[in-house]
Amino acid sequence: MLKEAMGYLIGLGKAEIHEVEGRKFSDKQLYSLKEPTADAFTIHSLTGFVDYLKTKFDYEETLMIHVVSPEEVIAFSKLNNGASRHEFIRATALTPEFRFDRFYNTEEFNIKMQSVFVQNEDRDIILQVVGNIREDDVKTYGDDGVSQSVVAKTGVSKVADVIVPNPVALKPFRTFVEIEQPVSSFVFRMQNGPSCALFEADGGAWKINAIHRIESYLKENLAKEIDSNKVIVIA
């Protein structure tokens, strides 16, 4: 009796294959064994990403490079027998923090504009307005939701009503520094305090622009590897 019971229990762990009308079935669920895969190591520049791929340090086969987002690029292999991929290297951009849709006091905003945004004409106009405000109250008369005015210094000793520029075209640091930062439109608003805020107004189009620029950078700097079919770049 005990021998039969043990035989029954052993049989529970054995899968049997049955063929019915030309199709094969198992009487138990089968699980595919996964082959070991490499974990990607992370760097923070496109330059280092390109340098690593040129060395062919860890790979012999063709690698796929995927520009995942303006802040992330990865290189991986084809599927192995366990339907898994080796991820060899991942690049993530180090970008400064700026919280859009949030009001900053003028001192914070002034510092952020100089440290987080690439210099251009609209950035300089905003800095001029913010740095010369002369009243705590931001005037809202005639404010149609687009234009605002503030009392600002316009000369050595002269103050006057100044129209706040809107919309503005700015280039915040939002992707890898090796590529030109994409320009996009922002709504610039001020309120009593005084305080200032920027609101994104391009529907995220800058992200597509940045991805294509990263793709172009990689294709230019890995042209030899692409021609020899060692890497493939997609975005």
C-alpha atoms as a PDB file:
ATOM      1  CA  MET A   1       0.000   0.000   0.000  1.00  0.00           C
ATOM      2  CA  LEU A   2       2.775   2.416   0.976  1.00  0.00           C
ATOM      3  CA  LYS A   3       4.742   1.485  -2.152  1.00  0.00           C
ATOM      4  CA  GLU A   4       1.722   2.236  -4.350  1.00  0.00           C
ATOM      5  CA  ALA A   5       1.157   5.574  -2.607  1.00  0.00           C
ATOM      6  CA  MET A   6       4.778   6.581  -3.146  1.00  0.00           C
ATOM      7  CA  GLY A   7       4.568   5.584  -6.782  1.00  0.00           C
ATOM      8  CA  TYR A   8       1.441   7.719  -7.161  1.00  0.00           C
ATOM      9  CA  LEU A   9       3.149  10.775  -5.619  1.00  0.00           C
ATOM     10  CA  ILE A  10       6.205  10.351  -7.842  1.00  0.00           C
ATOM     11  CA  GLY A  11       3.919  10.168 -10.846  1.00  0.00           C
ATOM     12  CA  LEU A  12       2.340  13.496  -9.927  1.00  0.00           C
ATOM     13  CA  GLY A  13       5.593  15.264 -10.745  1.00  0.00           C
ATOM     14  CA  LYS A  14       6.103  13.662 -14.148  1.00  0.00           C
ATOM     15  CA  ALA A  15       4.611  15.345 -17.206  1.00  0.00           C
ATOM     16  CA  GLU A  16       3.204  13.129 -19.947  1.00  0.00           C
ATOM     17  CA  ILE A  17       2.743  14.164 -23.559  1.00  0.00           C
ATOM     18  CA  HIS A  18      -0.389  13.027 -25.421  1.00  0.00           C
ATOM     19  CA  GLU A  19      -1.151  13.406 -29.097  1.00  0.00           C
ATOM     20  CA  VAL A  20      -4.737  14.108 -30.140  1.00  0.00           C
ATOM     21  CA  GLU A  21      -5.682  14.613 -33.800  1.00  0.00           C
ATOM     22  CA  GLY A  22      -2.118  15.517 -34.704  1.00  0.00           C
ATOM     23  CA  ARG A  23      -1.636  18.022 -31.857  1.00  0.00           C
ATOM     24  CA  LYS A  24       0.529  17.420 -28.799  1.00  0.00           C
ATOM     25  CA  PHE A  25      -0.733  18.136 -25.287  1.00  0.00           C
ATOM     26  CA  SER A  26       0.808  17.893 -21.833  1.00  0.00           C
ATOM     27  CA  ASP A  27      -1.132  16.811 -18.774  1.00  0.00           C
ATOM     28  CA  LYS A  28       0.800  19.398 -16.704  1.00  0.00           C
ATOM     29  CA  GLN A  29       1.823  23.016 -17.180  1.00  0.00           C
ATOM     30  CA  LEU A  30       5.383  23.320 -18.465  1.00  0.00           C
ATOM     31  CA  TYR A  31       7.687  26.247 -17.747  1.00  0.00           C
ATOM     32  CA  SER A  32      10.520  27.351 -20.018  1.00  0.00           C
ATOM     33  CA  LEU A  33      13.937  27.478 -18.381  1.00  0.00           C
ATOM     34  CA  LYS A  34      15.433  30.954 -18.657  1.00  0.00           C
ATOM     35  CA  GLU A  35      19.007  31.313 -19.749  1.00  0.00           C
ATOM     36  CA  PRO A  36      21.159  33.688 -17.669  1.00  0.00           C
ATOM     37  CA  THR A  37      21.356  37.212 -19.086  1.00  0.00           C
ATOM     38  CA  ALA A  38      23.712  40.126 -18.572  1.00  0.00           C
ATOM     39  CA  ASP A  39      22.575  43.113 -16.531  1.00  0.00           C
ATOM     40  CA  ALA A  40      23.254  46.489 -18.093  1.00  0.00           C
ATOM     41  CA  PHE A  41      25.599  48.858 -16.344  1.00  0.00           C
ATOM     42  CA  THR A  42      24.640  52.520 -16.330  1.00  0.00           C
ATOM     43  CA  ILE A  43      26.559  55.561 -17.465  1.00  0.00           C
ATOM     44  CA  HIS A  44      25.434  59.165 -17.851  1.00  0.00           C
ATOM     45  CA  SER A  45      26.717  60.366 -21.212  1.00  0.00           C
ATOM     46  CA  LEU A  46      26.282  59.573 -24.866  1.00  0.00           C
ATOM     47  CA  THR A  47      30.048  59.889 -25.284  1.00  0.00           C
ATOM     48  CA  GLY A  48      30.675  57.012 -22.877  1.00  0.00           C
ATOM     49  CA  PHE A  49      27.893  54.995 -24.501  1.00  0.00           C
ATOM     50  CA  VAL A  50      29.514  55.331 -27.926  1.00  0.00           C
ATOM     51  CA  ASP A  51      33.019  54.637 -26.589  1.00  0.00           C
ATOM     52  CA  TYR A  52      31.856  51.382 -24.969  1.00  0.00           C
ATOM     53  CA  LEU A  53      30.197  50.108 -28.148  1.00  0.00           C
ATOM     54  CA  LYS A  54      33.295  50.865 -30.205  1.00  0.00           C
ATOM     55  CA  THR A  55      35.454  48.679 -27.956  1.00  0.00           C
ATOM     56  CA  LYS A  56      33.256  45.556 -28.474  1.00  0.00           C
ATOM     57  CA  PHE A  57      34.366  44.668 -24.943  1.00  0.00           C
ATOM     58  CA  ASP A  58      31.452  42.369 -24.049  1.00  0.00           C
ATOM     59  CA  TYR A  59      29.835  41.356 -27.313  1.00  0.00           C
ATOM     60  CA  GLU A  60      30.420  39.826 -30.711  1.00  0.00           C
ATOM     61  CA  GLU A  61      26.904  39.714 -32.106  1.00  0.00           C
ATOM     62  CA  THR A  62      24.885  42.591 -33.576  1.00  0.00           C
ATOM     63  CA  LEU A  63      23.379  44.887 -30.952  1.00  0.00           C
ATOM     64  CA  MET A  64      20.193  46.933 -31.119  1.00  0.00           C
ATOM     65  CA  ILE A  65      20.345  50.477 -29.711  1.00  0.00           C
ATOM     66  CA  HIS A  66      17.001  51.870 -28.595  1.00  0.00           C
ATOM     67  CA  VAL A  67      16.521  55.556 -27.847  1.00  0.00           C
ATOM     68  CA  VAL A  68      13.863  55.036 -25.179  1.00  0.00           C
ATOM     69  CA  SER A  69      13.329  58.686 -24.236  1.00  0.00           C
ATOM     70  CA  PRO A  70      15.186  62.023 -24.134  1.00  0.00           C
ATOM     71  CA  GLU A  71      16.857  60.757 -20.948  1.00  0.00           C
ATOM     72  CA  GLU A  72      17.521  57.063 -21.670  1.00  0.00           C
ATOM     73  CA  VAL A  73      19.304  54.934 -24.295  1.00  0.00           C
ATOM     74  CA  ILE A  74      19.956  51.173 -24.059  1.00  0.00           C
ATOM     75  CA  ALA A  75      21.883  48.576 -26.086  1.00  0.00           C
ATOM     76  CA  PHE A  76      20.711  44.955 -26.105  1.00  0.00           C
ATOM     77  CA  SER A  77      21.180  41.670 -27.959  1.00  0.00           C
ATOM     78  CA  LYS A  78      18.850  39.441 -29.953  1.00  0.00           C
ATOM     79  CA  LEU A  79      16.523  37.046 -28.127  1.00  0.00           C
ATOM     80  CA  ASN A  80      18.287  33.924 -26.887  1.00  0.00           C
ATOM     81  CA  ASN A  81      16.749  30.422 -26.699  1.00  0.00           C
ATOM     82  CA  GLY A  82      15.039  31.375 -23.449  1.00  0.00           C
ATOM     83  CA  ALA A  83      13.427  34.362 -25.208  1.00  0.00           C
ATOM     84  CA  SER A  84      15.454  36.813 -23.107  1.00  0.00           C
ATOM     85  CA  ARG A  85      17.866  39.576 -24.081  1.00  0.00           C
ATOM     86  CA  HIS A  86      21.259  40.665 -22.783  1.00  0.00           C
ATOM     87  CA  GLU A  87      21.211  44.365 -21.879  1.00  0.00           C
ATOM     88  CA  PHE A  88      24.811  45.508 -22.128  1.00  0.00           C
ATOM     89  CA  ILE A  89      24.760  49.223 -21.370  1.00  0.00           C
ATOM     90  CA  ARG A  90      22.265  51.934 -20.453  1.00  0.00           C
ATOM     91  CA  ALA A  91      22.817  55.698 -20.655  1.00  0.00           C
ATOM     92  CA  THR A  92      20.694  57.999 -18.501  1.00  0.00           C
ATOM     93  CA  ALA A  93      20.962  61.777 -18.754  1.00  0.00           C
ATOM     94  CA  LEU A  94      21.735  63.848 -15.668  1.00  0.00           C
ATOM     95  CA  THR A  95      19.407  66.845 -15.901  1.00  0.00           C
ATOM     96  CA  PRO A  96      18.907  69.692 -13.413  1.00  0.00           C
ATOM     97  CA  GLU A  97      15.588  70.047 -11.643  1.00  0.00           C
ATOM     98  CA  PHE A  98      13.000  72.629 -12.630  1.00  0.00           C
ATOM     99  CA  ARG A  99       9.384  72.200 -11.641  1.00  0.00           C
ATOM    100  CA  PHE A 100       7.123  73.524 -14.338  1.00  0.00           C
ATOM    101  CA  ASP A 101       3.579  74.586 -13.342  1.00  0.00           C
ATOM    102  CA  ARG A 102       4.907  75.780  -9.967  1.00  0.00           C
ATOM    103  CA  PHE A 103       5.421  79.367  -8.860  1.00  0.00           C
ATOM    104  CA  TYR A 104       8.892  80.361  -7.596  1.00  0.00           C
ATOM    105  CA  ASN A 105       9.755  83.570  -5.777  1.00  0.00           C
ATOM    106  CA  THR A 106      11.720  85.950  -7.990  1.00  0.00           C
ATOM    107  CA  GLU A 107      15.118  85.128  -6.429  1.00  0.00           C
ATOM    108  CA  GLU A 108      14.687  81.351  -6.940  1.00  0.00           C
ATOM    109  CA  PHE A 109      13.290  81.894 -10.409  1.00  0.00           C
ATOM    110  CA  ASN A 110      16.181  84.154 -11.396  1.00  0.00           C
ATOM    111  CA  ILE A 111      18.725  81.528 -10.295  1.00  0.00           C
ATOM    112  CA  LYS A 112      16.862  78.713 -12.055  1.00  0.00           C
ATOM    113  CA  MET A 113      16.626  80.679 -15.297  1.00  0.00           C
ATOM    114  CA  GLN A 114      20.394  81.174 -15.334  1.00  0.00           C
ATOM    115  CA  SER A 115      21.394  77.663 -14.262  1.00  0.00           C
ATOM    116  CA  VAL A 116      18.771  75.395 -15.866  1.00  0.00           C
ATOM    117  CA  PHE A 117      18.139  77.128 -19.220  1.00  0.00           C
ATOM    118  CA  VAL A 118      20.388  77.671 -22.230  1.00  0.00           C
ATOM    119  CA  GLN A 119      20.971  81.362 -22.910  1.00  0.00           C
ATOM    120  CA  ASN A 120      18.744  82.782 -25.654  1.00  0.00           C
ATOM    121  CA  GLU A 121      16.843  85.998 -26.382  1.00  0.00           C
ATOM    122  CA  ASP A 122      13.620  85.112 -24.551  1.00  0.00           C
ATOM    123  CA  ARG A 123      15.491  83.912 -21.464  1.00  0.00           C
ATOM    124  CA  ASP A 124      17.344  87.237 -21.295  1.00  0.00           C
ATOM    125  CA  ILE A 125      14.086  89.206 -21.651  1.00  0.00           C
ATOM    126  CA  ILE A 126      12.503  87.263 -18.779  1.00  0.00           C
ATOM    127  CA  LEU A 127      15.585  87.827 -16.581  1.00  0.00           C
ATOM    128  CA  GLN A 128      15.449  91.541 -17.337  1.00  0.00           C
ATOM    129  CA  VAL A 129      11.789  91.791 -16.310  1.00  0.00           C
ATOM    130  CA  VAL A 130      12.102  89.590 -13.212  1.00  0.00           C
ATOM    131  CA  GLY A 131      15.317  91.231 -12.045  1.00  0.00           C
ATOM    132  CA  ASN A 132      13.918  94.770 -12.226  1.00  0.00           C
ATOM    133  CA  ILE A 133      10.454  94.395 -10.664  1.00  0.00           C
ATOM    134  CA  ARG A 134       9.731  97.334  -8.353  1.00  0.00           C
ATOM    135  CA  GLU A 135       6.382  96.398  -6.748  1.00  0.00           C
ATOM    136  CA  ASP A 136       5.180  93.365  -4.824  1.00  0.00           C
ATOM    137  CA  ASP A 137       1.779  93.462  -6.496  1.00  0.00           C
ATOM    138  CA  VAL A 138       1.622  92.183 -10.048  1.00  0.00           C
ATOM    139  CA  LYS A 139      -0.860  94.316 -11.917  1.00  0.00           C
ATOM    140  CA  THR A 140      -3.670  92.405 -13.524  1.00  0.00           C
ATOM    141  CA  TYR A 141      -5.610  95.192 -15.169  1.00  0.00           C
ATOM    142  CA  GLY A 142      -5.943  94.466 -18.850  1.00  0.00           C
ATOM    143  CA  ASP A 143      -4.861  90.884 -18.157  1.00  0.00           C
ATOM    144  CA  ASP A 144      -6.601  88.867 -20.876  1.00  0.00           C
ATOM    145  CA  GLY A 145      -5.033  85.605 -19.750  1.00  0.00           C
ATOM    146  CA  VAL A 146      -2.079  86.149 -22.049  1.00  0.00           C
ATOM    147  CA  SER A 147      -0.580  89.587 -21.391  1.00  0.00           C
ATOM    148  CA  GLN A 148       0.386  90.908 -17.944  1.00  0.00           C
ATOM    149  CA  SER A 149       2.161  94.063 -16.819  1.00  0.00           C
ATOM    150  CA  VAL A 150       4.464  94.793 -13.896  1.00  0.00           C
ATOM    151  CA  VAL A 151       6.155  97.899 -12.553  1.00  0.00           C
ATOM    152  CA  ALA A 152       9.826  97.484 -13.436  1.00  0.00           C
ATOM    153  CA  LYS A 153      12.961  99.588 -13.645  1.00  0.00           C
ATOM    154  CA  THR A 154      13.527 100.619 -17.255  1.00  0.00           C
ATOM    155  CA  GLY A 155      16.506 102.914 -16.868  1.00  0.00           C
ATOM    156  CA  VAL A 156      18.966 104.257 -14.323  1.00  0.00           C
ATOM    157  CA  SER A 157      16.202 105.833 -12.215  1.00  0.00           C
ATOM    158  CA  LYS A 158      13.040 105.356 -14.235  1.00  0.00           C
ATOM    159  CA  VAL A 159      10.235 102.903 -13.548  1.00  0.00           C
ATOM    160  CA  ALA A 160       7.354 102.089 -15.874  1.00  0.00           C
ATOM    161  CA  ASP A 161       4.709  99.501 -16.676  1.00  0.00           C
ATOM    162  CA  VAL A 162       6.416  96.661 -18.556  1.00  0.00           C
ATOM    163  CA  ILE A 163       4.553  93.985 -20.503  1.00  0.00           C
ATOM    164  CA  VAL A 164       5.498  90.478 -19.427  1.00  0.00           C
ATOM    165  CA  PRO A 165       6.521  88.490 -22.555  1.00  0.00           C
ATOM    166  CA  ASN A 166       4.239  85.610 -23.447  1.00  0.00           C
ATOM    167  CA  PRO A 167       4.495  82.964 -24.849  1.00  0.00           C
ATOM    168  CA  VAL A 168       8.256  82.457 -24.671  1.00  0.00           C
ATOM    169  CA  ALA A 169      10.613  80.116 -26.534  1.00  0.00           C
ATOM    170  CA  LEU A 170      13.113  78.558 -24.111  1.00  0.00           C
ATOM    171  CA  LYS A 171      15.697  75.763 -24.053  1.00  0.00           C
ATOM    172  CA  PRO A 172      15.841  74.057 -20.657  1.00  0.00           C
ATOM    173  CA  PHE A 173      18.403  71.318 -20.058  1.00  0.00           C
ATOM    174  CA  ARG A 174      16.175  68.244 -20.473  1.00  0.00           C
ATOM    175  CA  THR A 175      18.315  65.738 -22.339  1.00  0.00           C
ATOM    176  CA  PHE A 176      21.953  64.690 -22.859  1.00  0.00           C
ATOM    177  CA  VAL A 177      24.362  67.630 -22.995  1.00  0.00           C
ATOM    178  CA  GLU A 178      26.075  66.249 -26.127  1.00  0.00           C
ATOM    179  CA  ILE A 179      23.099  67.290 -28.258  1.00  0.00           C
ATOM    180  CA  GLU A 180      21.508  70.702 -28.743  1.00  0.00           C
ATOM    181  CA  GLN A 181      18.721  71.201 -26.228  1.00  0.00           C
ATOM    182  CA  PRO A 182      15.337  71.408 -28.000  1.00  0.00           C
ATOM    183  CA  VAL A 183      13.502  74.714 -27.911  1.00  0.00           C
ATOM    184  CA  SER A 184       9.812  74.763 -26.994  1.00  0.00           C
ATOM    185  CA  SER A 185       7.065  77.220 -26.084  1.00  0.00           C
ATOM    186  CA  PHE A 186       6.135  78.093 -22.504  1.00  0.00           C
ATOM    187  CA  VAL A 187       3.448  80.212 -20.903  1.00  0.00           C
ATOM    188  CA  PHE A 188       5.142  82.659 -18.507  1.00  0.00           C
ATOM    189  CA  ARG A 189       2.964  83.952 -15.675  1.00  0.00           C
ATOM    190  CA  MET A 190       3.469  86.130 -12.620  1.00  0.00           C
ATOM    191  CA  GLN A 191       1.401  86.725  -9.518  1.00  0.00           C
ATOM    192  CA  ASN A 192       1.542  88.735  -6.309  1.00  0.00           C
ATOM    193  CA  GLY A 193       4.538  88.172  -4.108  1.00  0.00           C
ATOM    194  CA  PRO A 194       5.886  88.589  -6.689  1.00  0.00           C
ATOM    195  CA  SER A 195       6.355  85.055  -7.987  1.00  0.00           C
ATOM    196  CA  CYS A 196       6.876  83.494 -11.411  1.00  0.00           C
ATOM    197  CA  ALA A 197       6.069  80.236 -13.167  1.00  0.00           C
ATOM    198  CA  LEU A 198       6.496  78.529 -16.516  1.00  0.00           C
ATOM    199  CA  PHE A 199       3.888  76.204 -18.027  1.00  0.00           C
ATOM    200  CA  GLU A 200       4.783  73.844 -20.880  1.00  0.00           C
ATOM    201  CA  ALA A 201       2.854  74.673 -24.041  1.00  0.00           C
ATOM    202  CA  ASP A 202       4.148  72.421 -26.826  1.00  0.00           C
ATOM    203  CA  GLY A 203       2.227  69.228 -26.030  1.00  0.00           C
ATOM    204  CA  GLY A 204       5.454  67.280 -25.443  1.00  0.00           C
ATOM    205  CA  ALA A 205       6.718  67.788 -29.010  1.00  0.00           C
ATOM    206  CA  TRP A 206      10.180  68.569 -27.611  1.00  0.00           C
ATOM    207  CA  LYS A 207      10.534  64.911 -26.571  1.00  0.00           C
ATOM    208  CA  ILE A 208      10.223  63.668 -30.162  1.00  0.00           C
ATOM    209  CA  ASN A 209      12.669  66.352 -31.255  1.00  0.00           C
ATOM    210  CA  ALA A 210      15.205  65.298 -28.598  1.00  0.00           C
ATOM    211  CA  ILE A 211      14.854  61.589 -29.440  1.00  0.00           C
ATOM    212  CA  HIS A 212      15.580  62.248 -33.115  1.00  0.00           C
ATOM    213  CA  ARG A 213      18.619  64.356 -32.213  1.00  0.00           C
ATOM    214  CA  ILE A 214      19.978  61.549 -30.032  1.00  0.00           C
ATOM    215  CA  GLU A 215      19.371  59.112 -32.901  1.00  0.00           C
ATOM    216  CA  SER A 216      21.272  61.381 -35.299  1.00  0.00           C
ATOM    217  CA  TYR A 217      24.154  61.732 -32.836  1.00  0.00           C
ATOM    218  CA  LEU A 218      24.472  57.960 -32.443  1.00  0.00           C
ATOM    219  CA  LYS A 219      24.271  57.295 -36.175  1.00  0.00           C
ATOM    220  CA  GLU A 220      26.944  59.903 -36.857  1.00  0.00           C
ATOM    221  CA  ASN A 221      29.311  58.639 -34.165  1.00  0.00           C
ATOM    222  CA  LEU A 222      28.719  54.927 -34.809  1.00  0.00           C
ATOM    223  CA  ALA A 223      28.699  55.111 -38.609  1.00  0.00           C
ATOM    224  CA  LYS A 224      31.454  52.501 -38.987  1.00  0.00           C
ATOM    225  CA  GLU A 225      29.713  50.045 -36.640  1.00  0.00           C
ATOM    226  CA  ILE A 226      26.389  50.576 -38.412  1.00  0.00           C
ATOM    227  CA  ASP A 227      27.941  50.013 -41.859  1.00  0.00           C
ATOM    228  CA  SER A 228      29.529  46.756 -40.639  1.00  0.00           C
ATOM    229  CA  ASN A 229      26.176  45.657 -39.191  1.00  0.00           C
ATOM    230  CA  LYS A 230      27.501  45.574 -35.636  1.00  0.00           C
ATOM    231  CA  VAL A 231      24.861  47.946 -34.277  1.00  0.00           C
ATOM    232  CA  ILE A 232      21.378  49.009 -35.325  1.00  0.00           C
ATOM    233  CA  VAL A 233      19.830  52.235 -34.034  1.00  0.00           C
ATOM    234  CA  ILE A 234      16.090  52.741 -33.586  1.00  0.00           C
ATOM    235  CA  ALA A 235      14.158  55.605 -31.999  1.00  0.00           C
END
